[in-house]
PDB file of N, CA and C in Angstrom:
ATOM      1  N   THR A   1     119.686  61.010 116.462  1.00  0.00           N
ATOM      2  CA  THR A   1     120.776  60.752 115.511  1.00  0.00           C
ATOM      3  C   THR A   1     120.790  61.806 114.418  1.00  0.00           C
ATOM      4  N   PHE A   2     121.788  61.720 113.555  1.00  0.00           N
ATOM      5  CA  PHE A   2     121.904  62.696 112.470  1.00  0.00           C
ATOM      6  C   PHE A   2     120.738  62.570 111.490  1.00  0.00           C
ATOM      7  N   ILE A   3     120.324  61.321 111.240  1.00  0.00           N
ATOM      8  CA  ILE A   3     119.215  61.098 110.302  1.00  0.00           C
ATOM      9  C   ILE A   3     117.919  61.682 110.862  1.00  0.00           C
ATOM     10  N   GLU A   4     117.690  61.469 112.165  1.00  0.00           N
ATOM     11  CA  GLU A   4     116.473  62.003 112.781  1.00  0.00           C
ATOM     12  C   GLU A   4     116.486  63.523 112.760  1.00  0.00           C
ATOM     13  N   GLY A   5     117.657  64.116 113.039  1.00  0.00           N
ATOM     14  CA  GLY A   5     117.770  65.573 113.019  1.00  0.00           C
ATOM     15  C   GLY A   5     117.540  66.111 111.617  1.00  0.00           C
ATOM     16  N   LEU A   6     118.081  65.411 110.628  1.00  0.00           N
ATOM     17  CA  LEU A   6     117.911  65.846 109.246  1.00  0.00           C
ATOM     18  C   LEU A   6     116.448  65.734 108.827  1.00  0.00           C
ATOM     19  N   TYR A   7     115.771  64.686 109.303  1.00  0.00           N
ATOM     20  CA  TYR A   7     114.355  64.495 108.990  1.00  0.00           C
ATOM     21  C   TYR A   7     113.520  65.621 109.602  1.00  0.00           C
ATOM     22  N   ASN A   8     113.798  65.932 110.873  1.00  0.00           N
ATOM     23  CA  ASN A   8     113.065  67.008 111.541  1.00  0.00           C
ATOM     24  C   ASN A   8     113.343  68.342 110.863  1.00  0.00           C
ATOM     25  N   TYR A   9     114.595  68.579 110.481  1.00  0.00           N
ATOM     26  CA  TYR A   9     114.954  69.829 109.814  1.00  0.00           C
ATOM     27  C   TYR A   9     114.235  69.937 108.476  1.00  0.00           C
ATOM     28  N   GLY A  10     114.194  68.837 107.745  1.00  0.00           N
ATOM     29  CA  GLY A  10     113.517  68.827 106.446  1.00  0.00           C
ATOM     30  C   GLY A  10     112.025  69.065 106.611  1.00  0.00           C
ATOM     31  N   LEU A  11     111.463  68.521 107.696  1.00  0.00           N
ATOM     32  CA  LEU A  11     110.033  68.686 107.940  1.00  0.00           C
ATOM     33  C   LEU A  11     109.716  70.155 108.199  1.00  0.00           C
ATOM     34  N   PHE A  12     110.510  70.787 109.087  1.00  0.00           N
ATOM     35  CA  PHE A  12     110.295  72.203 109.377  1.00  0.00           C
ATOM     36  C   PHE A  12     110.579  73.051 108.142  1.00  0.00           C
ATOM     37  N   LEU A  13     111.601  72.666 107.377  1.00  0.00           N
ATOM     38  CA  LEU A  13     111.956  73.418 106.175  1.00  0.00           C
ATOM     39  C   LEU A  13     110.813  73.361 105.165  1.00  0.00           C
ATOM     40  N   THR A  14     110.196  72.186 105.042  1.00  0.00           N
ATOM     41  CA  THR A  14     109.087  72.029 104.098  1.00  0.00           C
ATOM     42  C   THR A  14     107.920  72.938 104.483  1.00  0.00           C
ATOM     43  N   PHE A  15     107.545  72.912 105.766  1.00  0.00           N
ATOM     44  CA  PHE A  15     106.441  73.759 106.216  1.00  0.00           C
ATOM     45  C   PHE A  15     106.813  75.235 106.123  1.00  0.00           C
ATOM     46  N   GLY A  16     108.077  75.551 106.392  1.00  0.00           N
ATOM     47  CA  GLY A  16     108.533  76.940 106.317  1.00  0.00           C
ATOM     48  C   GLY A  16     108.446  77.469 104.899  1.00  0.00           C
ATOM     49  N   VAL A  17     108.903  76.673 103.943  1.00  0.00           N
ATOM     50  CA  VAL A  17     108.847  77.085 102.535  1.00  0.00           C
ATOM     51  C   VAL A  17     107.397  77.219 102.088  1.00  0.00           C
ATOM     52  N   ALA A  18     106.556  76.283 102.513  1.00  0.00           N
ATOM     53  CA  ALA A  18     105.143  76.328 102.148  1.00  0.00           C
ATOM     54  C   ALA A  18     104.496  77.603 102.693  1.00  0.00           C
ATOM     55  N   ALA A  19     104.847  77.973 103.923  1.00  0.00           N
ATOM     56  CA  ALA A  19     104.298  79.183 104.529  1.00  0.00           C
ATOM     57  C   ALA A  19     104.770  80.424 103.775  1.00  0.00           C
ATOM     58  N   LEU A  20     106.060  80.454 103.409  1.00  0.00           N
ATOM     59  CA  LEU A  20     106.595  81.607 102.679  1.00  0.00           C
ATOM     60  C   LEU A  20     105.932  81.730 101.316  1.00  0.00           C
ATOM     61  N   VAL A  21     105.750  80.607 100.637  1.00  0.00           N
ATOM     62  CA  VAL A  21     105.103  80.626  99.319  1.00  0.00           C
ATOM     63  C   VAL A  21     103.664  81.114  99.453  1.00  0.00           C
ATOM     64  N   TYR A  22     102.962  80.647 100.492  1.00  0.00           N
ATOM     65  CA  TYR A  22     101.581  81.066 100.716  1.00  0.00           C
ATOM     66  C   TYR A  22     101.498  82.572 100.970  1.00  0.00           C
ATOM     67  N   LEU A  23     102.402  83.072 101.811  1.00  0.00           N
ATOM     68  CA  LEU A  23     102.416  84.506 102.106  1.00  0.00           C
ATOM     69  C   LEU A  23     102.751  85.310 100.853  1.00  0.00           C
ATOM     70  N   ALA A  24     103.720  84.823 100.077  1.00  0.00           N
ATOM     71  CA  ALA A  24     104.117  85.529  98.858  1.00  0.00           C
ATOM     72  C   ALA A  24     102.950  85.584  97.874  1.00  0.00           C
ATOM     73  N   LEU A  25     102.277  84.461  97.677  1.00  0.00           N
ATOM     74  CA  LEU A  25     101.153  84.432  96.743  1.00  0.00           C
ATOM     75  C   LEU A  25     100.017  85.321  97.237  1.00  0.00           C
ATOM     76  N   SER A  26      99.750  85.311  98.531  1.00  0.00           N
ATOM     77  CA  SER A  26      98.670  86.132  99.075  1.00  0.00           C
ATOM     78  C   SER A  26      98.992  87.611  98.886  1.00  0.00           C
ATOM     79  N   MET A  27     100.263  87.982  99.062  1.00  0.00           N
ATOM     80  CA  MET A  27     100.647  89.384  98.875  1.00  0.00           C
ATOM     81  C   MET A  27     100.569  89.767  97.400  1.00  0.00           C
ATOM     82  N   ILE A  28     100.954  88.846  96.518  1.00  0.00           N
ATOM     83  CA  ILE A  28     100.916  89.133  95.082  1.00  0.00           C
ATOM     84  C   ILE A  28      99.472  89.315  94.619  1.00  0.00           C
ATOM     85  N   PHE A  29      98.588  88.383  95.033  1.00  0.00           N
ATOM     86  CA  PHE A  29      97.201  88.465  94.592  1.00  0.00           C
ATOM     87  C   PHE A  29      96.489  89.646  95.236  1.00  0.00           C
ATOM     88  N   SER A  30      96.795  89.954  96.488  1.00  0.00           N
ATOM     89  CA  SER A  30      96.172  91.100  97.148  1.00  0.00           C
ATOM     90  C   SER A  30      96.709  92.383  96.522  1.00  0.00           C
ATOM     91  N   GLY A  31      97.964  92.365  96.087  1.00  0.00           N
ATOM     92  CA  GLY A  31      98.555  93.533  95.438  1.00  0.00           C
ATOM     93  C   GLY A  31      97.951  93.751  94.062  1.00  0.00           C
ATOM     94  N   ALA A  32      97.487  92.668  93.426  1.00  0.00           N
ATOM     95  CA  ALA A  32      96.891  92.794  92.101  1.00  0.00           C
ATOM     96  C   ALA A  32      95.528  93.471  92.209  1.00  0.00           C
ATOM     97  N   THR A  33      94.811  93.209  93.308  1.00  0.00           N
ATOM     98  CA  THR A  33      93.493  93.802  93.489  1.00  0.00           C
ATOM     99  C   THR A  33      93.596  95.127  94.233  1.00  0.00           C
ATOM    100  N   GLU A  34      94.551  95.214  95.170  1.00  0.00           N
ATOM    101  CA  GLU A  34      94.761  96.440  95.941  1.00  0.00           C
ATOM    102  C   GLU A  34      96.179  96.941  95.685  1.00  0.00           C
ATOM    103  N   PRO A  35      96.339  97.946  94.823  1.00  0.00           N
ATOM    104  CA  PRO A  35      97.676  98.447  94.478  1.00  0.00           C
ATOM    105  C   PRO A  35      98.462  98.913  95.700  1.00  0.00           C
ATOM    106  N   THR A  36      97.770  99.363  96.743  1.00  0.00           N
ATOM    107  CA  THR A  36      98.459  99.864  97.924  1.00  0.00           C
ATOM    108  C   THR A  36      98.977  98.713  98.779  1.00  0.00           C
ATOM    109  N   GLY A  37      98.416  97.507  98.582  1.00  0.00           N
ATOM    110  CA  GLY A  37      98.832  96.376  99.383  1.00  0.00           C
ATOM    111  C   GLY A  37      98.229  96.421 100.770  1.00  0.00           C
ATOM    112  N   GLU A  38      97.278  97.346 100.998  1.00  0.00           N
ATOM    113  CA  GLU A  38      96.618  97.458 102.299  1.00  0.00           C
ATOM    114  C   GLU A  38      95.107  97.330 102.096  1.00  0.00           C
ATOM    115  N   PRO A  39      94.592  96.103 102.040  1.00  0.00           N
ATOM    116  CA  PRO A  39      93.166  95.903 101.767  1.00  0.00           C
ATOM    117  C   PRO A  39      92.267  96.458 102.867  1.00  0.00           C
ATOM    118  N   ASP A  40      92.812  96.620 104.083  1.00  0.00           N
ATOM    119  CA  ASP A  40      91.998  97.116 105.191  1.00  0.00           C
ATOM    120  C   ASP A  40      91.937  98.645 105.220  1.00  0.00           C
ATOM    121  N   ARG A  41      92.740  99.306 104.392  1.00  0.00           N
ATOM    122  CA  ARG A  41      92.761 100.770 104.437  1.00  0.00           C
ATOM    123  C   ARG A  41      91.450 101.318 103.875  1.00  0.00           C
ATOM    124  N   GLY A  42      90.863 102.285 104.552  1.00  0.00           N
ATOM    125  CA  GLY A  42      89.619 102.881 104.105  1.00  0.00           C
ATOM    126  C   GLY A  42      88.432 102.319 104.865  1.00  0.00           C
ATOM    127  N   ARG A  43      88.585 101.147 105.443  1.00  0.00           N
ATOM    128  CA  ARG A  43      87.492 100.568 106.223  1.00  0.00           C
ATOM    129  C   ARG A  43      87.459 101.171 107.623  1.00  0.00           C
ATOM    130  N   GLU A  44      88.638 101.509 108.134  1.00  0.00           N
ATOM    131  CA  GLU A  44      88.717 102.112 109.462  1.00  0.00           C
ATOM    132  C   GLU A  44      88.522 103.626 109.357  1.00  0.00           C
ATOM    133  N   PRO A  45      87.776 104.220 110.278  1.00  0.00           N
ATOM    134  CA  PRO A  45      87.627 105.684 110.275  1.00  0.00           C
ATOM    135  C   PRO A  45      88.963 106.359 110.548  1.00  0.00           C
ATOM    136  N   GLU A  46      89.249 107.442 109.801  1.00  0.00           N
ATOM    137  CA  GLU A  46      90.549 108.095 109.931  1.00  0.00           C
ATOM    138  C   GLU A  46      90.701 108.804 111.276  1.00  0.00           C
ATOM    139  N   THR A  47      89.581 109.047 111.968  1.00  0.00           N
ATOM    140  CA  THR A  47      89.640 109.741 113.249  1.00  0.00           C
ATOM    141  C   THR A  47      90.090 108.795 114.360  1.00  0.00           C
ATOM    142  N   ALA A  48      90.069 107.489 114.100  1.00  0.00           N
ATOM    143  CA  ALA A  48      90.429 106.516 115.137  1.00  0.00           C
ATOM    144  C   ALA A  48      91.913 106.614 115.442  1.00  0.00           C
TER     145      ALA A  48
END
């Protein structure tokens, strides 16, 4: 029904927003510590 579809949509929307917020915060905090935004850079040998 429409109510069930709206409930499922809201459920996915909630998790989707939560995931986006988590990714945004992780990028912001990683950017605060790593200005380049690439925390893995420098760990890998450049010859690879």
